[in-house]
Amino acid sequence: MKTDDHEATPSILVLGIGNVLWADEGFGVRAVEALHQRYTFAEAVTVMDGGTQGLYLLPYVQSCECLLVIDAIDYGLAPGSVHVVRDDAVPSFMGAKKMSLHQTGFQEVLAAAQLLGWQPQRVMLVGVQPSVLDDYGGSLRPEIAARIDEVIRLVVDELASWGARPQLRSEHGPGHSPDHQIPATELAPSALALHHYENLRPSPRDACRVGDPRFLARDLGHPGGAHVDPSREAGSERDGVTESPVKE
C-alpha cells in the first residue's frame, strides 16, 4: 500500500503471542518486544504483547484493518525455520497443532472477529518453528533466539509496504548524533522483560523446576546430600509419632 500526506495509514495491529515461561513458546513475545525497542511507527500502528490473553484480544483485533502476528508455530519444519502465512490461510495454521492453549485461543479470536463482521485488508502470520517447549522457566533456545533479527527485518519490510512508516528509534548515520533517540515505553511489566527475566531468574536448582523442594535431596554442605534432621532419623519419636527416615 502506498501512502502519502493525503492518504491515511490503515489501523495496524502487530501482535506477539506466546508464553515466555515455556522456552521457545515465548518467541512471539520476545520478537515483538525487540521490535518495539528498535522502531517507531505511524500513529495508526499498535505494537502489542498479546501473551496468552486469548479471547481478551478480540476487541483489539476487531478494531484493526491490518493484522500481523508473530508466534512460535509447529509447521513440521526444522527448528528455527521461519515461515510466513497470509490472509485466509492464517487460522488453519494457528490451530494446526495444540502446542499450547494460546494458539487454540487465538484461532477462536480470529473466528469470533469474522463472525462479528471483521473484514481485514491484510492478515499475516510470521511463525518460527520451535525447538523446545516443555522447559518451564527455560529460555529461548539459541537457534530460535537467533531468528529474532531476521523476523524483525521481515516484519519491518512488510509494515513499510502497509504504510506503517517504520523508523529506527536511534539513528547513528550522517547527521544524527547517538543521543538522537526516541525512548520506548514498556509493552509488559518490567519483571517480564527479557533482561530482567534472564538476569534475575533463579537457577534451575533454586527455582525447583523439577519438583517440590520438600521432597528433593539438596546438598546443604553435608556429604550425603540433603540435611536430615536428627529428630527424623529412624526410630525417633516426636509427640508420640514414630517417623521414618527421609529416603534420598
Foldseek 3Di string as FASTA:
>chain_A
DDDDPVRDFFQEEEEFEAAQQFAQRRLSQQLLQVLLQWKDWPPSYHRAYPYLVQLVCLVVQLRGQEYEYEGAFAPVDDAFDKDKDKDPCVLCRLVVDPPDNSSVSVSVSVVVSVVVPRDHPMYMYIHGHADGGHQGLDYHDPSNVVCSVVVSVVVVVVVVVSVTPMDTQADDDPPGDRVNGDGGDDNDPPCPHPVNSVVVPDDCVVVVSPDDPVQDFAAPPDPVGRDWDPCQDAQHDDPRDGHYTRDD
